[in-house]
Amino acid sequence: MKSALNCNQHQSIFVPMTIELAAGVPSIGEGSTFATVADTATGVFTVTLIDGLGRKPVVVAIPETTTGVELFCIVRDRTVSGFVLECTDVAGLLTDPVALNVMIWGSYSADEA
């Protein structure tokens, strides 16, 4: 008796990315072929994916600082074409970090379970 296994390739992706700031202007180091970044306001960055995904990505962002001030970063407005990062200090004030370490998990397939 013959049997077959059919499976689809979902093209899952994992992209490590670094966003560095020089004089308040962000640029992408690692991951620059995957996305662009714009400084929307102090502590707010819009990341646009060069090739959109099939569904919303999972994004984790960790801010770096040299001042000793603890910073937090939230991810909002995730879409298949990008997301927004907001960095705040412990008082909730929007603050530019020195850099952001970002991890993006996603898929080019819309139907991956």
PDB file of N, CA and C in Angstrom:
ATOM      1  N   MET A   1       0.829  -1.160   0.000  1.00  0.00           N
ATOM      2  CA  MET A   1       0.000   0.000   0.000  1.00  0.00           C
ATOM      3  C   MET A   1       0.888   1.244   0.000  1.00  0.00           C
ATOM      4  N   LYS A   2       0.577   2.164  -0.891  1.00  0.00           N
ATOM      5  CA  LYS A   2       1.351   3.394  -1.000  1.00  0.00           C
ATOM      6  C   LYS A   2       0.675   4.507  -0.217  1.00  0.00           C
ATOM      7  N   SER A   3       1.487   5.382   0.311  1.00  0.00           N
ATOM      8  CA  SER A   3       0.939   6.563   0.978  1.00  0.00           C
ATOM      9  C   SER A   3       1.765   7.766   0.557  1.00  0.00           C
ATOM     10  N   ALA A   4       1.185   8.933   0.693  1.00  0.00           N
ATOM     11  CA  ALA A   4       1.872  10.160   0.293  1.00  0.00           C
ATOM     12  C   ALA A   4       1.691  11.209   1.372  1.00  0.00           C
ATOM     13  N   LEU A   5       2.660  12.048   1.473  1.00  0.00           N
ATOM     14  CA  LEU A   5       2.592  13.150   2.412  1.00  0.00           C
ATOM     15  C   LEU A   5       2.727  14.437   1.610  1.00  0.00           C
ATOM     16  N   ASN A   6       1.713  15.240   1.672  1.00  0.00           N
ATOM     17  CA  ASN A   6       1.749  16.523   0.986  1.00  0.00           C
ATOM     18  C   ASN A   6       1.986  17.622   2.011  1.00  0.00           C
ATOM     19  N   CYS A   7       2.942  18.473   1.751  1.00  0.00           N
ATOM     20  CA  CYS A   7       3.158  19.605   2.651  1.00  0.00           C
ATOM     21  C   CYS A   7       3.544  20.828   1.832  1.00  0.00           C
ATOM     22  N   ASN A   8       3.130  21.951   2.324  1.00  0.00           N
ATOM     23  CA  ASN A   8       3.436  23.215   1.657  1.00  0.00           C
ATOM     24  C   ASN A   8       4.640  23.871   2.317  1.00  0.00           C
ATOM     25  N   GLN A   9       5.411  24.560   1.533  1.00  0.00           N
ATOM     26  CA  GLN A   9       6.490  25.361   2.068  1.00  0.00           C
ATOM     27  C   GLN A   9       5.930  26.735   2.409  1.00  0.00           C
ATOM     28  N   HIS A  10       6.044  27.126   3.657  1.00  0.00           N
ATOM     29  CA  HIS A  10       5.443  28.383   4.092  1.00  0.00           C
ATOM     30  C   HIS A  10       6.408  29.556   4.069  1.00  0.00           C
ATOM     31  N   GLN A  11       7.652  29.324   3.778  1.00  0.00           N
ATOM     32  CA  GLN A  11       8.651  30.379   3.687  1.00  0.00           C
ATOM     33  C   GLN A  11       8.696  31.230   4.951  1.00  0.00           C
ATOM     34  N   SER A  12       8.883  30.565   6.071  1.00  0.00           N
ATOM     35  CA  SER A  12       9.031  31.290   7.329  1.00  0.00           C
ATOM     36  C   SER A  12      10.345  32.059   7.318  1.00  0.00           C
ATOM     37  N   ILE A  13      10.345  33.196   7.995  1.00  0.00           N
ATOM     38  CA  ILE A  13      11.546  34.016   8.053  1.00  0.00           C
ATOM     39  C   ILE A  13      11.844  34.422   9.489  1.00  0.00           C
ATOM     40  N   PHE A  14      13.099  34.651   9.762  1.00  0.00           N
ATOM     41  CA  PHE A  14      13.567  35.208  11.021  1.00  0.00           C
ATOM     42  C   PHE A  14      14.625  36.228  10.636  1.00  0.00           C
ATOM     43  N   VAL A  15      14.411  37.474  11.011  1.00  0.00           N
ATOM     44  CA  VAL A  15      15.347  38.533  10.630  1.00  0.00           C
ATOM     45  C   VAL A  15      15.848  39.261  11.874  1.00  0.00           C
ATOM     46  N   PRO A  16      17.133  39.135  12.197  1.00  0.00           N
ATOM     47  CA  PRO A  16      17.712  39.986  13.234  1.00  0.00           C
ATOM     48  C   PRO A  16      18.045  41.344  12.604  1.00  0.00           C
ATOM     49  N   MET A  17      17.731  42.406  13.313  1.00  0.00           N
ATOM     50  CA  MET A  17      17.930  43.744  12.752  1.00  0.00           C
ATOM     51  C   MET A  17      18.495  44.678  13.821  1.00  0.00           C
ATOM     52  N   THR A  18      19.377  45.573  13.422  1.00  0.00           N
ATOM     53  CA  THR A  18      19.852  46.618  14.316  1.00  0.00           C
ATOM     54  C   THR A  18      19.482  47.971  13.730  1.00  0.00           C
ATOM     55  N   ILE A  19      18.916  48.813  14.573  1.00  0.00           N
ATOM     56  CA  ILE A  19      18.620  50.188  14.181  1.00  0.00           C
ATOM     57  C   ILE A  19      19.518  51.069  15.047  1.00  0.00           C
ATOM     58  N   GLU A  20      20.365  51.843  14.397  1.00  0.00           N
ATOM     59  CA  GLU A  20      21.297  52.705  15.111  1.00  0.00           C
ATOM     60  C   GLU A  20      20.932  54.158  14.873  1.00  0.00           C
ATOM     61  N   LEU A  21      21.154  54.993  15.895  1.00  0.00           N
ATOM     62  CA  LEU A  21      20.853  56.412  15.768  1.00  0.00           C
ATOM     63  C   LEU A  21      22.138  57.225  15.849  1.00  0.00           C
ATOM     64  N   ALA A  22      22.297  58.132  14.908  1.00  0.00           N
ATOM     65  CA  ALA A  22      23.422  59.068  14.908  1.00  0.00           C
ATOM     66  C   ALA A  22      22.814  60.465  14.793  1.00  0.00           C
ATOM     67  N   ALA A  23      23.004  61.279  15.818  1.00  0.00           N
ATOM     68  CA  ALA A  23      22.424  62.632  15.871  1.00  0.00           C
ATOM     69  C   ALA A  23      20.907  62.579  15.674  1.00  0.00           C
ATOM     70  N   GLY A  24      20.269  61.539  16.238  1.00  0.00           N
ATOM     71  CA  GLY A  24      18.815  61.418  16.161  1.00  0.00           C
ATOM     72  C   GLY A  24      18.271  60.835  14.871  1.00  0.00           C
ATOM     73  N   VAL A  25      19.161  60.490  13.948  1.00  0.00           N
ATOM     74  CA  VAL A  25      18.739  59.945  12.653  1.00  0.00           C
ATOM     75  C   VAL A  25      18.951  58.435  12.663  1.00  0.00           C
ATOM     76  N   PRO A  26      17.861  57.650  12.469  1.00  0.00           N
ATOM     77  CA  PRO A  26      17.997  56.200  12.499  1.00  0.00           C
ATOM     78  C   PRO A  26      18.490  55.636  11.166  1.00  0.00           C
ATOM     79  N   SER A  27      19.232  54.559  11.254  1.00  0.00           N
ATOM     80  CA  SER A  27      19.621  53.799  10.061  1.00  0.00           C
ATOM     81  C   SER A  27      19.675  52.332  10.457  1.00  0.00           C
ATOM     82  N   ILE A  28      19.429  51.477   9.484  1.00  0.00           N
ATOM     83  CA  ILE A  28      19.442  50.039   9.740  1.00  0.00           C
ATOM     84  C   ILE A  28      20.819  49.501   9.393  1.00  0.00           C
ATOM     85  N   GLY A  29      21.432  48.812  10.355  1.00  0.00           N
ATOM     86  CA  GLY A  29      22.705  48.136  10.113  1.00  0.00           C
ATOM     87  C   GLY A  29      22.389  46.754   9.572  1.00  0.00           C
ATOM     88  N   GLU A  30      22.427  45.765  10.444  1.00  0.00           N
ATOM     89  CA  GLU A  30      22.057  44.411  10.052  1.00  0.00           C
ATOM     90  C   GLU A  30      20.571  44.383   9.729  1.00  0.00           C
ATOM     91  N   GLY A  31      20.205  43.760   8.616  1.00  0.00           N
ATOM     92  CA  GLY A  31      18.813  43.681   8.191  1.00  0.00           C
ATOM     93  C   GLY A  31      18.405  44.762   7.213  1.00  0.00           C
ATOM     94  N   SER A  32      19.386  45.525   6.709  1.00  0.00           N
ATOM     95  CA  SER A  32      19.062  46.654   5.829  1.00  0.00           C
ATOM     96  C   SER A  32      18.481  46.233   4.479  1.00  0.00           C
ATOM     97  N   THR A  33      18.674  44.980   4.084  1.00  0.00           N
ATOM     98  CA  THR A  33      18.088  44.525   2.818  1.00  0.00           C
ATOM     99  C   THR A  33      16.642  44.078   3.011  1.00  0.00           C
ATOM    100  N   PHE A  34      16.180  44.065   4.254  1.00  0.00           N
ATOM    101  CA  PHE A  34      14.837  43.580   4.562  1.00  0.00           C
ATOM    102  C   PHE A  34      13.845  44.705   4.855  1.00  0.00           C
ATOM    103  N   ALA A  35      14.341  45.865   5.331  1.00  0.00           N
ATOM    104  CA  ALA A  35      13.428  46.925   5.769  1.00  0.00           C
ATOM    105  C   ALA A  35      14.081  48.289   5.677  1.00  0.00           C
ATOM    106  N   THR A  36      13.250  49.325   5.794  1.00  0.00           N
ATOM    107  CA  THR A  36      13.710  50.701   5.919  1.00  0.00           C
ATOM    108  C   THR A  36      13.140  51.252   7.217  1.00  0.00           C
ATOM    109  N   VAL A  37      13.735  52.341   7.713  1.00  0.00           N
ATOM    110  CA  VAL A  37      13.250  52.940   8.959  1.00  0.00           C
ATOM    111  C   VAL A  37      13.149  54.452   8.795  1.00  0.00           C
ATOM    112  N   ALA A  38      12.111  55.026   9.413  1.00  0.00           N
ATOM    113  CA  ALA A  38      11.920  56.474   9.429  1.00  0.00           C
ATOM    114  C   ALA A  38      11.704  56.918  10.867  1.00  0.00           C
ATOM    115  N   ASP A  39      12.270  58.059  11.215  1.00  0.00           N
ATOM    116  CA  ASP A  39      12.100  58.646  12.539  1.00  0.00           C
ATOM    117  C   ASP A  39      10.828  59.487  12.490  1.00  0.00           C
ATOM    118  N   THR A  40       9.763  59.003  13.107  1.00  0.00           N
ATOM    119  CA  THR A  40       8.474  59.688  13.065  1.00  0.00           C
ATOM    120  C   THR A  40       8.411  60.816  14.087  1.00  0.00           C
ATOM    121  N   ALA A  41       9.013  60.606  15.251  1.00  0.00           N
ATOM    122  CA  ALA A  41       9.072  61.594  16.334  1.00  0.00           C
ATOM    123  C   ALA A  41      10.140  61.111  17.302  1.00  0.00           C
ATOM    124  N   THR A  42      10.406  61.881  18.353  1.00  0.00           N
ATOM    125  CA  THR A  42      11.363  61.435  19.358  1.00  0.00           C
ATOM    126  C   THR A  42      10.905  60.100  19.933  1.00  0.00           C
ATOM    127  N   GLY A  43      11.746  59.081  19.827  1.00  0.00           N
ATOM    128  CA  GLY A  43      11.424  57.765  20.366  1.00  0.00           C
ATOM    129  C   GLY A  43      10.447  56.943  19.552  1.00  0.00           C
ATOM    130  N   VAL A  44      10.032  57.422  18.387  1.00  0.00           N
ATOM    131  CA  VAL A  44       9.058  56.704  17.552  1.00  0.00           C
ATOM    132  C   VAL A  44       9.677  56.428  16.190  1.00  0.00           C
ATOM    133  N   PHE A  45       9.653  55.157  15.791  1.00  0.00           N
ATOM    134  CA  PHE A  45      10.281  54.729  14.539  1.00  0.00           C
ATOM    135  C   PHE A  45       9.303  53.882  13.737  1.00  0.00           C
ATOM    136  N   THR A  46       9.140  54.211  12.464  1.00  0.00           N
ATOM    137  CA  THR A  46       8.292  53.428  11.573  1.00  0.00           C
ATOM    138  C   THR A  46       9.188  52.551  10.717  1.00  0.00           C
ATOM    139  N   VAL A  47       8.991  51.247  10.816  1.00  0.00           N
ATOM    140  CA  VAL A  47       9.765  50.281  10.039  1.00  0.00           C
ATOM    141  C   VAL A  47       8.873  49.766   8.912  1.00  0.00           C
ATOM    142  N   THR A  48       9.356  49.878   7.685  1.00  0.00           N
ATOM    143  CA  THR A  48       8.622  49.415   6.510  1.00  0.00           C
ATOM    144  C   THR A  48       9.378  48.237   5.911  1.00  0.00           C
ATOM    145  N   LEU A  49       8.684  47.124   5.736  1.00  0.00           N
ATOM    146  CA  LEU A  49       9.298  45.929   5.157  1.00  0.00           C
ATOM    147  C   LEU A  49       9.384  46.102   3.653  1.00  0.00           C
ATOM    148  N   ILE A  50      10.550  45.837   3.090  1.00  0.00           N
ATOM    149  CA  ILE A  50      10.753  46.027   1.654  1.00  0.00           C
ATOM    150  C   ILE A  50       9.852  45.092   0.854  1.00  0.00           C
ATOM    151  N   ASP A  51       9.796  43.824   1.243  1.00  0.00           N
ATOM    152  CA  ASP A  51       8.862  42.873   0.642  1.00  0.00           C
ATOM    153  C   ASP A  51       7.856  42.531   1.722  1.00  0.00           C
ATOM    154  N   GLY A  52       6.598  42.840   1.492  1.00  0.00           N
ATOM    155  CA  GLY A  52       5.579  42.559   2.501  1.00  0.00           C
ATOM    156  C   GLY A  52       5.495  41.073   2.823  1.00  0.00           C
ATOM    157  N   LEU A  53       4.878  40.767   3.950  1.00  0.00           N
ATOM    158  CA  LEU A  53       4.708  39.383   4.389  1.00  0.00           C
ATOM    159  C   LEU A  53       3.282  38.918   4.107  1.00  0.00           C
ATOM    160  N   GLY A  54       3.052  37.638   4.315  1.00  0.00           N
ATOM    161  CA  GLY A  54       1.726  37.078   4.104  1.00  0.00           C
ATOM    162  C   GLY A  54       0.799  37.285   5.292  1.00  0.00           C
ATOM    163  N   ARG A  55       1.393  37.575   6.448  1.00  0.00           N
ATOM    164  CA  ARG A  55       0.608  37.860   7.654  1.00  0.00           C
ATOM    165  C   ARG A  55       1.454  38.738   8.573  1.00  0.00           C
ATOM    166  N   LYS A  56       0.844  39.262   9.623  1.00  0.00           N
ATOM    167  CA  LYS A  56       1.551  40.156  10.539  1.00  0.00           C
ATOM    168  C   LYS A  56       2.721  39.433  11.201  1.00  0.00           C
ATOM    169  N   PRO A  57       3.874  40.085  11.297  1.00  0.00           N
ATOM    170  CA  PRO A  57       5.028  39.457  11.946  1.00  0.00           C
ATOM    171  C   PRO A  57       4.943  39.554  13.469  1.00  0.00           C
ATOM    172  N   VAL A  58       5.717  38.726  14.123  1.00  0.00           N
ATOM    173  CA  VAL A  58       5.952  38.844  15.557  1.00  0.00           C
ATOM    174  C   VAL A  58       7.236  39.646  15.693  1.00  0.00           C
ATOM    175  N   VAL A  59       7.208  40.703  16.493  1.00  0.00           N
ATOM    176  CA  VAL A  59       8.355  41.609  16.590  1.00  0.00           C
ATOM    177  C   VAL A  59       8.730  41.811  18.058  1.00  0.00           C
ATOM    178  N   VAL A  60      10.023  41.724  18.338  1.00  0.00           N
ATOM    179  CA  VAL A  60      10.558  42.022  19.665  1.00  0.00           C
ATOM    180  C   VAL A  60      11.652  43.072  19.461  1.00  0.00           C
ATOM    181  N   ALA A  61      11.615  44.138  20.265  1.00  0.00           N
ATOM    182  CA  ALA A  61      12.623  45.195  20.150  1.00  0.00           C
ATOM    183  C   ALA A  61      13.189  45.516  21.528  1.00  0.00           C
ATOM    184  N   ILE A  62      14.516  45.571  21.612  1.00  0.00           N
ATOM    185  CA  ILE A  62      15.203  45.865  22.869  1.00  0.00           C
ATOM    186  C   ILE A  62      16.067  47.115  22.649  1.00  0.00           C
ATOM    187  N   PRO A  63      15.766  48.195  23.373  1.00  0.00           N
ATOM    188  CA  PRO A  63      16.544  49.419  23.195  1.00  0.00           C
ATOM    189  C   PRO A  63      17.862  49.382  23.948  1.00  0.00           C
ATOM    190  N   GLU A  64      18.864  50.067  23.407  1.00  0.00           N
ATOM    191  CA  GLU A  64      20.170  50.219  24.062  1.00  0.00           C
ATOM    192  C   GLU A  64      20.315  51.668  24.504  1.00  0.00           C
ATOM    193  N   THR A  65      20.979  51.865  25.621  1.00  0.00           N
ATOM    194  CA  THR A  65      21.254  53.206  26.108  1.00  0.00           C
ATOM    195  C   THR A  65      22.634  53.245  26.740  1.00  0.00           C
ATOM    196  N   THR A  66      23.250  54.400  26.713  1.00  0.00           N
ATOM    197  CA  THR A  66      24.558  54.569  27.358  1.00  0.00           C
ATOM    198  C   THR A  66      24.448  55.462  28.588  1.00  0.00           C
ATOM    199  N   THR A  67      23.251  55.945  28.878  1.00  0.00           N
ATOM    200  CA  THR A  67      23.067  56.897  29.982  1.00  0.00           C
ATOM    201  C   THR A  67      22.714  56.217  31.297  1.00  0.00           C
ATOM    202  N   GLY A  68      22.427  54.944  31.278  1.00  0.00           N
ATOM    203  CA  GLY A  68      22.001  54.247  32.484  1.00  0.00           C
ATOM    204  C   GLY A  68      20.512  54.364  32.740  1.00  0.00           C
ATOM    205  N   VAL A  69      19.812  55.142  31.924  1.00  0.00           N
ATOM    206  CA  VAL A  69      18.360  55.275  32.054  1.00  0.00           C
ATOM    207  C   VAL A  69      17.708  54.047  31.444  1.00  0.00           C
ATOM    208  N   GLU A  70      16.803  53.436  32.186  1.00  0.00           N
ATOM    209  CA  GLU A  70      16.115  52.253  31.693  1.00  0.00           C
ATOM    210  C   GLU A  70      15.098  52.657  30.631  1.00  0.00           C
ATOM    211  N   LEU A  71      15.154  51.990  29.481  1.00  0.00           N
ATOM    212  CA  LEU A  71      14.219  52.271  28.386  1.00  0.00           C
ATOM    213  C   LEU A  71      13.389  51.043  28.071  1.00  0.00           C
ATOM    214  N   PHE A  72      12.196  51.294  27.563  1.00  0.00           N
ATOM    215  CA  PHE A  72      11.284  50.238  27.149  1.00  0.00           C
ATOM    216  C   PHE A  72      10.861  50.513  25.719  1.00  0.00           C
ATOM    217  N   CYS A  73      10.550  49.470  24.984  1.00  0.00           N
ATOM    218  CA  CYS A  73      10.112  49.632  23.605  1.00  0.00           C
ATOM    219  C   CYS A  73       8.854  48.802  23.382  1.00  0.00           C
ATOM    220  N   ILE A  74       7.817  49.441  22.865  1.00  0.00           N
ATOM    221  CA  ILE A  74       6.611  48.706  22.515  1.00  0.00           C
ATOM    222  C   ILE A  74       6.474  48.666  20.996  1.00  0.00           C
ATOM    223  N   VAL A  75       5.826  47.624  20.531  1.00  0.00           N
ATOM    224  CA  VAL A  75       5.570  47.444  19.106  1.00  0.00           C
ATOM    225  C   VAL A  75       4.085  47.694  18.900  1.00  0.00           C
ATOM    226  N   ARG A  76       3.751  48.552  17.947  1.00  0.00           N
ATOM    227  CA  ARG A  76       2.332  48.805  17.668  1.00  0.00           C
ATOM    228  C   ARG A  76       2.110  48.912  16.157  1.00  0.00           C
ATOM    229  N   ASP A  77       0.860  48.903  15.791  1.00  0.00           N
ATOM    230  CA  ASP A  77       0.453  49.054  14.387  1.00  0.00           C
ATOM    231  C   ASP A  77       1.132  48.055  13.456  1.00  0.00           C
ATOM    232  N   ARG A  78       1.206  46.784  13.901  1.00  0.00           N
ATOM    233  CA  ARG A  78       1.792  45.745  13.035  1.00  0.00           C
ATOM    234  C   ARG A  78       0.867  45.470  11.849  1.00  0.00           C
ATOM    235  N   THR A  79       1.450  45.439  10.674  1.00  0.00           N
ATOM    236  CA  THR A  79       0.733  45.044   9.458  1.00  0.00           C
ATOM    237  C   THR A  79       1.655  44.118   8.668  1.00  0.00           C
ATOM    238  N   VAL A  80       1.178  43.620   7.557  1.00  0.00           N
ATOM    239  CA  VAL A  80       2.023  42.768   6.714  1.00  0.00           C
ATOM    240  C   VAL A  80       3.133  43.566   6.034  1.00  0.00           C
ATOM    241  N   SER A  81       3.044  44.902   6.082  1.00  0.00           N
ATOM    242  CA  SER A  81       4.063  45.720   5.424  1.00  0.00           C
ATOM    243  C   SER A  81       4.954  46.503   6.391  1.00  0.00           C
ATOM    244  N   GLY A  82       4.731  46.368   7.710  1.00  0.00           N
ATOM    245  CA  GLY A  82       5.604  47.067   8.642  1.00  0.00           C
ATOM    246  C   GLY A  82       5.008  47.199  10.033  1.00  0.00           C
ATOM    247  N   PHE A  83       5.645  48.054  10.850  1.00  0.00           N
ATOM    248  CA  PHE A  83       5.225  48.243  12.237  1.00  0.00           C
ATOM    249  C   PHE A  83       5.847  49.528  12.771  1.00  0.00           C
ATOM    250  N   VAL A  84       5.375  49.940  13.950  1.00  0.00           N
ATOM    251  CA  VAL A  84       5.891  51.131  14.617  1.00  0.00           C
ATOM    252  C   VAL A  84       6.502  50.717  15.951  1.00  0.00           C
ATOM    253  N   LEU A  85       7.670  51.291  16.280  1.00  0.00           N
ATOM    254  CA  LEU A  85       8.329  51.068  17.561  1.00  0.00           C
ATOM    255  C   LEU A  85       8.287  52.367  18.357  1.00  0.00           C
ATOM    256  N   GLU A  86       7.898  52.270  19.629  1.00  0.00           N
ATOM    257  CA  GLU A  86       7.889  53.430  20.522  1.00  0.00           C
ATOM    258  C   GLU A  86       8.767  53.139  21.729  1.00  0.00           C
ATOM    259  N   CYS A  87       9.742  54.001  21.970  1.00  0.00           N
ATOM    260  CA  CYS A  87      10.662  53.829  23.097  1.00  0.00           C
ATOM    261  C   CYS A  87      10.370  54.888  24.155  1.00  0.00           C
ATOM    262  N   THR A  88      10.235  54.439  25.408  1.00  0.00           N
ATOM    263  CA  THR A  88       9.970  55.361  26.514  1.00  0.00           C
ATOM    264  C   THR A  88      10.915  55.067  27.665  1.00  0.00           C
ATOM    265  N   ASP A  89      11.070  56.076  28.531  1.00  0.00           N
ATOM    266  CA  ASP A  89      11.811  55.859  29.769  1.00  0.00           C
ATOM    267  C   ASP A  89      10.818  55.384  30.835  1.00  0.00           C
ATOM    268  N   VAL A  90      11.295  55.203  32.055  1.00  0.00           N
ATOM    269  CA  VAL A  90      10.427  54.665  33.111  1.00  0.00           C
ATOM    270  C   VAL A  90       9.282  55.609  33.460  1.00  0.00           C
ATOM    271  N   ALA A  91       9.428  56.900  33.152  1.00  0.00           N
ATOM    272  CA  ALA A  91       8.353  57.868  33.405  1.00  0.00           C
ATOM    273  C   ALA A  91       7.328  57.888  32.275  1.00  0.00           C
ATOM    274  N   GLY A  92       7.574  57.104  31.207  1.00  0.00           N
ATOM    275  CA  GLY A  92       6.650  57.062  30.080  1.00  0.00           C
ATOM    276  C   GLY A  92       6.895  58.128  29.031  1.00  0.00           C
ATOM    277  N   LEU A  93       8.005  58.851  29.138  1.00  0.00           N
ATOM    278  CA  LEU A  93       8.333  59.876  28.155  1.00  0.00           C
ATOM    279  C   LEU A  93       9.043  59.259  26.952  1.00  0.00           C
ATOM    280  N   LEU A  94       8.587  59.627  25.763  1.00  0.00           N
ATOM    281  CA  LEU A  94       9.238  59.124  24.550  1.00  0.00           C
ATOM    282  C   LEU A  94      10.690  59.579  24.525  1.00  0.00           C
ATOM    283  N   THR A  95      11.595  58.628  24.292  1.00  0.00           N
ATOM    284  CA  THR A  95      13.030  58.887  24.365  1.00  0.00           C
ATOM    285  C   THR A  95      13.742  58.118  23.254  1.00  0.00           C
ATOM    286  N   ASP A  96      14.684  58.780  22.579  1.00  0.00           N
ATOM    287  CA  ASP A  96      15.493  58.094  21.568  1.00  0.00           C
ATOM    288  C   ASP A  96      16.536  57.215  22.252  1.00  0.00           C
ATOM    289  N   PRO A  97      16.628  55.953  21.871  1.00  0.00           N
ATOM    290  CA  PRO A  97      17.703  55.102  22.371  1.00  0.00           C
ATOM    291  C   PRO A  97      18.971  55.343  21.550  1.00  0.00           C
ATOM    292  N   VAL A  98      20.075  54.741  21.970  1.00  0.00           N
ATOM    293  CA  VAL A  98      21.305  54.773  21.177  1.00  0.00           C
ATOM    294  C   VAL A  98      21.143  53.850  19.976  1.00  0.00           C
ATOM    295  N   ALA A  99      20.483  52.714  20.214  1.00  0.00           N
ATOM    296  CA  ALA A  99      20.241  51.724  19.164  1.00  0.00           C
ATOM    297  C   ALA A  99      19.079  50.830  19.595  1.00  0.00           C
ATOM    298  N   LEU A 100      18.560  50.076  18.646  1.00  0.00           N
ATOM    299  CA  LEU A 100      17.516  49.081  18.909  1.00  0.00           C
ATOM    300  C   LEU A 100      17.961  47.753  18.319  1.00  0.00           C
ATOM    301  N   ASN A 101      17.794  46.700  19.088  1.00  0.00           N
ATOM    302  CA  ASN A 101      18.011  45.342  18.588  1.00  0.00           C
ATOM    303  C   ASN A 101      16.624  44.759  18.350  1.00  0.00           C
ATOM    304  N   VAL A 102      16.347  44.392  17.114  1.00  0.00           N
ATOM    305  CA  VAL A 102      15.002  43.969  16.724  1.00  0.00           C
ATOM    306  C   VAL A 102      15.052  42.559  16.145  1.00  0.00           C
ATOM    307  N   MET A 103      14.100  41.739  16.537  1.00  0.00           N
ATOM    308  CA  MET A 103      13.938  40.399  15.966  1.00  0.00           C
ATOM    309  C   MET A 103      12.556  40.334  15.322  1.00  0.00           C
ATOM    310  N   ILE A 104      12.516  39.866  14.088  1.00  0.00           N
ATOM    311  CA  ILE A 104      11.257  39.773  13.347  1.00  0.00           C
ATOM    312  C   ILE A 104      11.051  38.326  12.921  1.00  0.00           C
ATOM    313  N   TRP A 105       9.912  37.751  13.309  1.00  0.00           N
ATOM    314  CA  TRP A 105       9.525  36.420  12.858  1.00  0.00           C
ATOM    315  C   TRP A 105       8.287  36.586  11.998  1.00  0.00           C
ATOM    316  N   GLY A 106       8.255  35.918  10.861  1.00  0.00           N
ATOM    317  CA  GLY A 106       7.093  36.049   9.980  1.00  0.00           C
ATOM    318  C   GLY A 106       7.076  34.965   8.934  1.00  0.00           C
ATOM    319  N   SER A 107       6.189  35.168   7.988  1.00  0.00           N
ATOM    320  CA  SER A 107       6.032  34.202   6.902  1.00  0.00           C
ATOM    321  C   SER A 107       5.551  34.951   5.659  1.00  0.00           C
ATOM    322  N   TYR A 108       6.035  34.488   4.531  1.00  0.00           N
ATOM    323  CA  TYR A 108       5.534  35.030   3.261  1.00  0.00           C
ATOM    324  C   TYR A 108       4.211  34.389   2.876  1.00  0.00           C
ATOM    325  N   SER A 109       3.819  33.367   3.624  1.00  0.00           N
ATOM    326  CA  SER A 109       2.572  32.675   3.364  1.00  0.00           C
ATOM    327  C   SER A 109       1.499  33.190   4.324  1.00  0.00           C
ATOM    328  N   ALA A 110       0.316  33.442   3.805  1.00  0.00           N
ATOM    329  CA  ALA A 110      -0.779  33.933   4.648  1.00  0.00           C
ATOM    330  C   ALA A 110      -1.468  32.833   5.420  1.00  0.00           C
ATOM    331  N   ASP A 111      -1.242  31.567   5.046  1.00  0.00           N
ATOM    332  CA  ASP A 111      -2.007  30.474   5.649  1.00  0.00           C
ATOM    333  C   ASP A 111      -1.204  29.596   6.599  1.00  0.00           C
ATOM    334  N   GLU A 112      -0.023  30.043   7.010  1.00  0.00           N
ATOM    335  CA  GLU A 112       0.768  29.215   7.935  1.00  0.00           C
ATOM    336  C   GLU A 112       0.099  29.167   9.294  1.00  0.00           C
ATOM    337  N   ALA A 113      -0.046  27.989   9.827  1.00  0.00           N
ATOM    338  CA  ALA A 113      -0.703  27.818  11.131  1.00  0.00           C
ATOM    339  C   ALA A 113       0.303  27.865  12.251  1.00  0.00           C
TER     340      ALA A 113
END
